Amino acid sequence: MPDQSATHDDLPHRGGRVLLAITRVWIPAAIAVAGIVLVIVGGGQDDIDAGAGVSLILVALVVWMINWMYRISVQSNRDREREEEAREYFDRTGRWPGE
């Protein structure tokens, strides 16, 4: 049975980079391509197909933006943790790390 105690930090070490690439790049790209196909194929015949295609393109953009905002949030948390560690080091030693 797989280890249930794995965290998100373990993901890159277990082939999670492929999963991250799929989530960050390939899913939004596939949705956008489907939307472009609907716009091109259905553009002349039916306005509903073209509208659905534009909607899919917008959905792809939203999926990409959610992934981007999540990455920015995680990076911000890491920066705060490093700052807190530096402050604790300063409190203990009276020197800022790296100086």
N, C-alpha and C. Protein backbone atom coordinates (compact mmCIF):
# COMPACT_ATOMS: atom_id res chain seq x y z
N MET A 1 0.85 -1.17 0.00
CA MET A 1 0.00 0.00 0.00
C MET A 1 0.89 1.23 0.00
N PRO A 2 0.57 2.28 -0.81
CA PRO A 2 1.41 3.46 -0.87
C PRO A 2 1.39 4.24 0.43
N ASP A 3 2.47 4.98 0.66
CA ASP A 3 2.62 5.78 1.86
C ASP A 3 1.66 6.96 1.79
N GLN A 4 0.74 7.06 2.75
CA GLN A 4 -0.26 8.11 2.77
C GLN A 4 0.26 9.38 3.42
N SER A 5 1.46 9.35 4.00
CA SER A 5 1.99 10.52 4.71
C SER A 5 2.78 11.44 3.79
N ALA A 6 2.80 11.19 2.50
CA ALA A 6 3.56 12.01 1.57
C ALA A 6 2.95 13.41 1.49
N THR A 7 3.80 14.41 1.41
CA THR A 7 3.35 15.79 1.30
C THR A 7 3.60 16.29 -0.11
N HIS A 8 3.17 17.53 -0.37
CA HIS A 8 3.40 18.12 -1.68
C HIS A 8 4.89 18.33 -1.94
N ASP A 9 5.69 18.46 -0.87
CA ASP A 9 7.13 18.62 -1.05
C ASP A 9 7.76 17.37 -1.64
N ASP A 10 7.12 16.21 -1.47
CA ASP A 10 7.64 14.95 -1.99
C ASP A 10 7.36 14.79 -3.48
N LEU A 11 6.40 15.55 -4.00
CA LEU A 11 5.97 15.36 -5.39
C LEU A 11 7.11 15.46 -6.41
N PRO A 12 7.95 16.50 -6.38
CA PRO A 12 8.98 16.58 -7.42
C PRO A 12 9.96 15.42 -7.39
N HIS A 13 10.13 14.79 -6.25
CA HIS A 13 11.07 13.69 -6.15
C HIS A 13 10.48 12.37 -6.60
N ARG A 14 9.20 12.30 -6.81
CA ARG A 14 8.52 11.06 -7.18
C ARG A 14 7.91 11.12 -8.57
N GLY A 15 8.52 11.86 -9.44
CA GLY A 15 7.97 11.97 -10.79
C GLY A 15 6.85 12.98 -10.86
N GLY A 16 6.69 13.76 -9.82
CA GLY A 16 5.64 14.76 -9.79
C GLY A 16 5.88 15.89 -10.76
N ARG A 17 7.11 16.02 -11.24
CA ARG A 17 7.40 17.08 -12.21
C ARG A 17 6.57 16.88 -13.48
N VAL A 18 6.36 15.65 -13.86
CA VAL A 18 5.53 15.37 -15.05
C VAL A 18 4.10 15.79 -14.77
N LEU A 19 3.60 15.45 -13.59
CA LEU A 19 2.24 15.83 -13.22
C LEU A 19 2.11 17.35 -13.15
N LEU A 20 3.12 18.02 -12.61
CA LEU A 20 3.07 19.48 -12.57
C LEU A 20 3.07 20.08 -13.96
N ALA A 21 3.89 19.54 -14.86
CA ALA A 21 3.92 20.05 -16.23
C ALA A 21 2.58 19.84 -16.92
N ILE A 22 1.99 18.70 -16.69
CA ILE A 22 0.67 18.42 -17.29
C ILE A 22 -0.35 19.42 -16.77
N THR A 23 -0.34 19.65 -15.46
CA THR A 23 -1.32 20.55 -14.86
C THR A 23 -1.08 22.00 -15.27
N ARG A 24 0.17 22.41 -15.29
CA ARG A 24 0.48 23.81 -15.55
C ARG A 24 0.44 24.18 -17.02
N VAL A 25 0.82 23.27 -17.89
CA VAL A 25 0.98 23.62 -19.30
C VAL A 25 0.02 22.87 -20.20
N TRP A 26 0.03 21.56 -20.10
CA TRP A 26 -0.66 20.75 -21.11
C TRP A 26 -2.17 20.79 -21.00
N ILE A 27 -2.72 20.83 -19.80
CA ILE A 27 -4.19 20.91 -19.67
C ILE A 27 -4.71 22.23 -20.24
N PRO A 28 -4.14 23.39 -19.81
CA PRO A 28 -4.62 24.63 -20.43
C PRO A 28 -4.39 24.68 -21.95
N ALA A 29 -3.27 24.13 -22.40
CA ALA A 29 -3.00 24.12 -23.84
C ALA A 29 -4.01 23.26 -24.58
N ALA A 30 -4.34 22.10 -24.04
CA ALA A 30 -5.32 21.22 -24.69
C ALA A 30 -6.70 21.87 -24.73
N ILE A 31 -7.08 22.53 -23.65
CA ILE A 31 -8.38 23.22 -23.63
C ILE A 31 -8.39 24.33 -24.68
N ALA A 32 -7.29 25.10 -24.76
CA ALA A 32 -7.21 26.19 -25.74
C ALA A 32 -7.25 25.66 -27.17
N VAL A 33 -6.55 24.58 -27.42
CA VAL A 33 -6.55 23.99 -28.77
C VAL A 33 -7.96 23.53 -29.14
N ALA A 34 -8.65 22.91 -28.21
CA ALA A 34 -10.03 22.48 -28.48
C ALA A 34 -10.90 23.70 -28.79
N GLY A 35 -10.69 24.79 -28.06
CA GLY A 35 -11.44 26.01 -28.32
C GLY A 35 -11.13 26.60 -29.68
N ILE A 36 -9.86 26.61 -30.06
CA ILE A 36 -9.47 27.13 -31.37
C ILE A 36 -10.07 26.29 -32.49
N VAL A 37 -10.05 24.98 -32.31
CA VAL A 37 -10.65 24.08 -33.31
C VAL A 37 -12.13 24.38 -33.45
N LEU A 38 -12.83 24.57 -32.34
CA LEU A 38 -14.26 24.88 -32.42
C LEU A 38 -14.51 26.21 -33.11
N VAL A 39 -13.67 27.20 -32.84
CA VAL A 39 -13.84 28.50 -33.50
C VAL A 39 -13.62 28.37 -35.00
N ILE A 40 -12.58 27.65 -35.39
CA ILE A 40 -12.26 27.52 -36.83
C ILE A 40 -13.29 26.66 -37.54
N VAL A 41 -13.58 25.50 -36.98
CA VAL A 41 -14.50 24.55 -37.65
C VAL A 41 -15.94 25.05 -37.60
N GLY A 42 -16.36 25.54 -36.47
CA GLY A 42 -17.76 25.92 -36.33
C GLY A 42 -18.04 27.38 -36.59
N GLY A 43 -17.01 28.15 -36.93
CA GLY A 43 -17.19 29.59 -37.10
C GLY A 43 -18.15 29.98 -38.20
N GLY A 44 -18.13 29.29 -39.32
CA GLY A 44 -18.97 29.67 -40.44
C GLY A 44 -20.35 29.06 -40.39
N GLN A 45 -20.49 27.93 -39.74
CA GLN A 45 -21.75 27.20 -39.79
C GLN A 45 -22.69 27.56 -38.64
N ASP A 46 -22.16 27.59 -37.44
CA ASP A 46 -23.03 27.73 -36.28
C ASP A 46 -22.36 28.65 -35.26
N ASP A 47 -23.07 29.66 -34.86
CA ASP A 47 -22.53 30.59 -33.87
C ASP A 47 -22.34 29.94 -32.51
N ILE A 48 -23.10 28.90 -32.24
CA ILE A 48 -22.99 28.22 -30.94
C ILE A 48 -21.62 27.55 -30.82
N ASP A 49 -21.17 26.91 -31.89
CA ASP A 49 -19.84 26.27 -31.85
C ASP A 49 -18.74 27.30 -31.65
N ALA A 50 -18.83 28.41 -32.36
CA ALA A 50 -17.82 29.45 -32.21
C ALA A 50 -17.85 30.03 -30.80
N GLY A 51 -19.02 30.23 -30.26
CA GLY A 51 -19.15 30.73 -28.88
C GLY A 51 -18.58 29.76 -27.87
N ALA A 52 -18.83 28.48 -28.09
CA ALA A 52 -18.26 27.46 -27.21
C ALA A 52 -16.74 27.44 -27.31
N GLY A 53 -16.22 27.65 -28.51
CA GLY A 53 -14.78 27.69 -28.70
C GLY A 53 -14.15 28.86 -27.96
N VAL A 54 -14.76 30.02 -28.06
CA VAL A 54 -14.26 31.19 -27.34
C VAL A 54 -14.34 30.94 -25.83
N SER A 55 -15.41 30.32 -25.40
CA SER A 55 -15.53 29.99 -23.98
C SER A 55 -14.43 29.05 -23.52
N LEU A 56 -14.10 28.07 -24.33
CA LEU A 56 -13.02 27.15 -23.98
C LEU A 56 -11.67 27.86 -23.93
N ILE A 57 -11.45 28.79 -24.82
CA ILE A 57 -10.21 29.55 -24.79
C ILE A 57 -10.12 30.35 -23.49
N LEU A 58 -11.22 30.96 -23.09
CA LEU A 58 -11.25 31.70 -21.83
C LEU A 58 -11.05 30.78 -20.63
N VAL A 59 -11.63 29.60 -20.68
CA VAL A 59 -11.43 28.62 -19.60
C VAL A 59 -9.96 28.22 -19.50
N ALA A 60 -9.32 28.03 -20.64
CA ALA A 60 -7.89 27.70 -20.64
C ALA A 60 -7.08 28.81 -19.97
N LEU A 61 -7.43 30.04 -20.27
CA LEU A 61 -6.76 31.18 -19.65
C LEU A 61 -6.98 31.20 -18.14
N VAL A 62 -8.18 30.91 -17.71
CA VAL A 62 -8.49 30.87 -16.28
C VAL A 62 -7.71 29.75 -15.58
N VAL A 63 -7.65 28.58 -16.19
CA VAL A 63 -6.90 27.47 -15.60
C VAL A 63 -5.43 27.83 -15.47
N TRP A 64 -4.86 28.45 -16.51
CA TRP A 64 -3.46 28.87 -16.45
C TRP A 64 -3.25 29.91 -15.36
N MET A 65 -4.16 30.87 -15.25
CA MET A 65 -4.02 31.93 -14.24
C MET A 65 -4.14 31.37 -12.82
N ILE A 66 -5.01 30.41 -12.60
CA ILE A 66 -5.12 29.79 -11.28
C ILE A 66 -3.82 29.09 -10.92
N ASN A 67 -3.25 28.37 -11.86
CA ASN A 67 -1.95 27.73 -11.61
C ASN A 67 -0.88 28.76 -11.31
N TRP A 68 -0.85 29.85 -12.05
CA TRP A 68 0.14 30.91 -11.86
C TRP A 68 -0.02 31.57 -10.49
N MET A 69 -1.26 31.87 -10.11
CA MET A 69 -1.50 32.49 -8.80
C MET A 69 -1.12 31.56 -7.66
N TYR A 70 -1.36 30.28 -7.82
CA TYR A 70 -0.96 29.31 -6.80
C TYR A 70 0.56 29.30 -6.64
N ARG A 71 1.28 29.28 -7.75
CA ARG A 71 2.75 29.30 -7.68
C ARG A 71 3.26 30.55 -7.01
N ILE A 72 2.66 31.72 -7.31
CA ILE A 72 3.05 32.98 -6.68
C ILE A 72 2.79 32.90 -5.18
N SER A 73 1.67 32.33 -4.78
CA SER A 73 1.33 32.20 -3.37
C SER A 73 2.32 31.32 -2.62
N VAL A 74 2.69 30.20 -3.21
CA VAL A 74 3.64 29.29 -2.58
C VAL A 74 5.00 29.96 -2.45
N GLN A 75 5.43 30.68 -3.48
CA GLN A 75 6.72 31.38 -3.43
C GLN A 75 6.71 32.44 -2.34
N SER A 76 5.60 33.15 -2.20
CA SER A 76 5.48 34.18 -1.17
C SER A 76 5.60 33.57 0.22
N ASN A 77 4.99 32.41 0.42
CA ASN A 77 5.08 31.74 1.72
C ASN A 77 6.52 31.32 2.01
N ARG A 78 7.23 30.84 1.00
CA ARG A 78 8.63 30.45 1.19
C ARG A 78 9.47 31.67 1.55
N ASP A 79 9.21 32.80 0.89
CA ASP A 79 9.96 34.02 1.20
C ASP A 79 9.72 34.45 2.64
N ARG A 80 8.48 34.35 3.11
CA ARG A 80 8.17 34.71 4.50
C ARG A 80 8.88 33.78 5.48
N GLU A 81 8.92 32.50 5.16
CA GLU A 81 9.60 31.55 6.04
C GLU A 81 11.10 31.85 6.12
N ARG A 82 11.72 32.18 4.99
CA ARG A 82 13.15 32.53 5.00
C ARG A 82 13.39 33.80 5.80
N GLU A 83 12.51 34.77 5.66
CA GLU A 83 12.64 36.02 6.41
C GLU A 83 12.52 35.75 7.91
N GLU A 84 11.59 34.92 8.29
CA GLU A 84 11.41 34.58 9.71
C GLU A 84 12.65 33.87 10.26
N GLU A 85 13.21 32.95 9.48
CA GLU A 85 14.43 32.26 9.91
C GLU A 85 15.59 33.24 10.06
N ALA A 86 15.69 34.20 9.14
CA ALA A 86 16.75 35.20 9.23
C ALA A 86 16.57 36.07 10.48
N ARG A 87 15.35 36.44 10.81
CA ARG A 87 15.09 37.24 12.01
C ARG A 87 15.43 36.45 13.28
N GLU A 88 15.08 35.17 13.30
CA GLU A 88 15.43 34.34 14.46
C GLU A 88 16.94 34.23 14.61
N TYR A 89 17.66 34.08 13.50
CA TYR A 89 19.11 34.03 13.52
C TYR A 89 19.67 35.35 14.06
N PHE A 90 19.10 36.47 13.61
CA PHE A 90 19.54 37.78 14.08
C PHE A 90 19.30 37.93 15.58
N ASP A 91 18.16 37.46 16.06
CA ASP A 91 17.87 37.54 17.50
C ASP A 91 18.88 36.73 18.32
N ARG A 92 19.31 35.57 17.79
CA ARG A 92 20.25 34.72 18.51
C ARG A 92 21.68 35.27 18.47
N THR A 93 22.10 35.78 17.31
CA THR A 93 23.51 36.12 17.14
C THR A 93 23.80 37.60 17.10
N GLY A 94 22.79 38.43 16.83
CA GLY A 94 23.03 39.86 16.71
C GLY A 94 23.55 40.24 15.34
N ARG A 95 23.64 39.29 14.42
CA ARG A 95 24.09 39.54 13.05
C ARG A 95 23.03 39.04 12.08
N TRP A 96 22.92 39.73 10.97
CA TRP A 96 22.01 39.28 9.91
C TRP A 96 22.73 38.21 9.11
N PRO A 97 22.04 37.13 8.72
CA PRO A 97 22.69 36.07 7.96
C PRO A 97 23.31 36.60 6.66
N GLY A 98 24.54 36.16 6.41
CA GLY A 98 25.21 36.53 5.19
C GLY A 98 26.02 37.82 5.29
N GLU A 99 26.00 38.47 6.43
CA GLU A 99 26.79 39.70 6.58
C GLU A 99 28.01 39.47 7.42
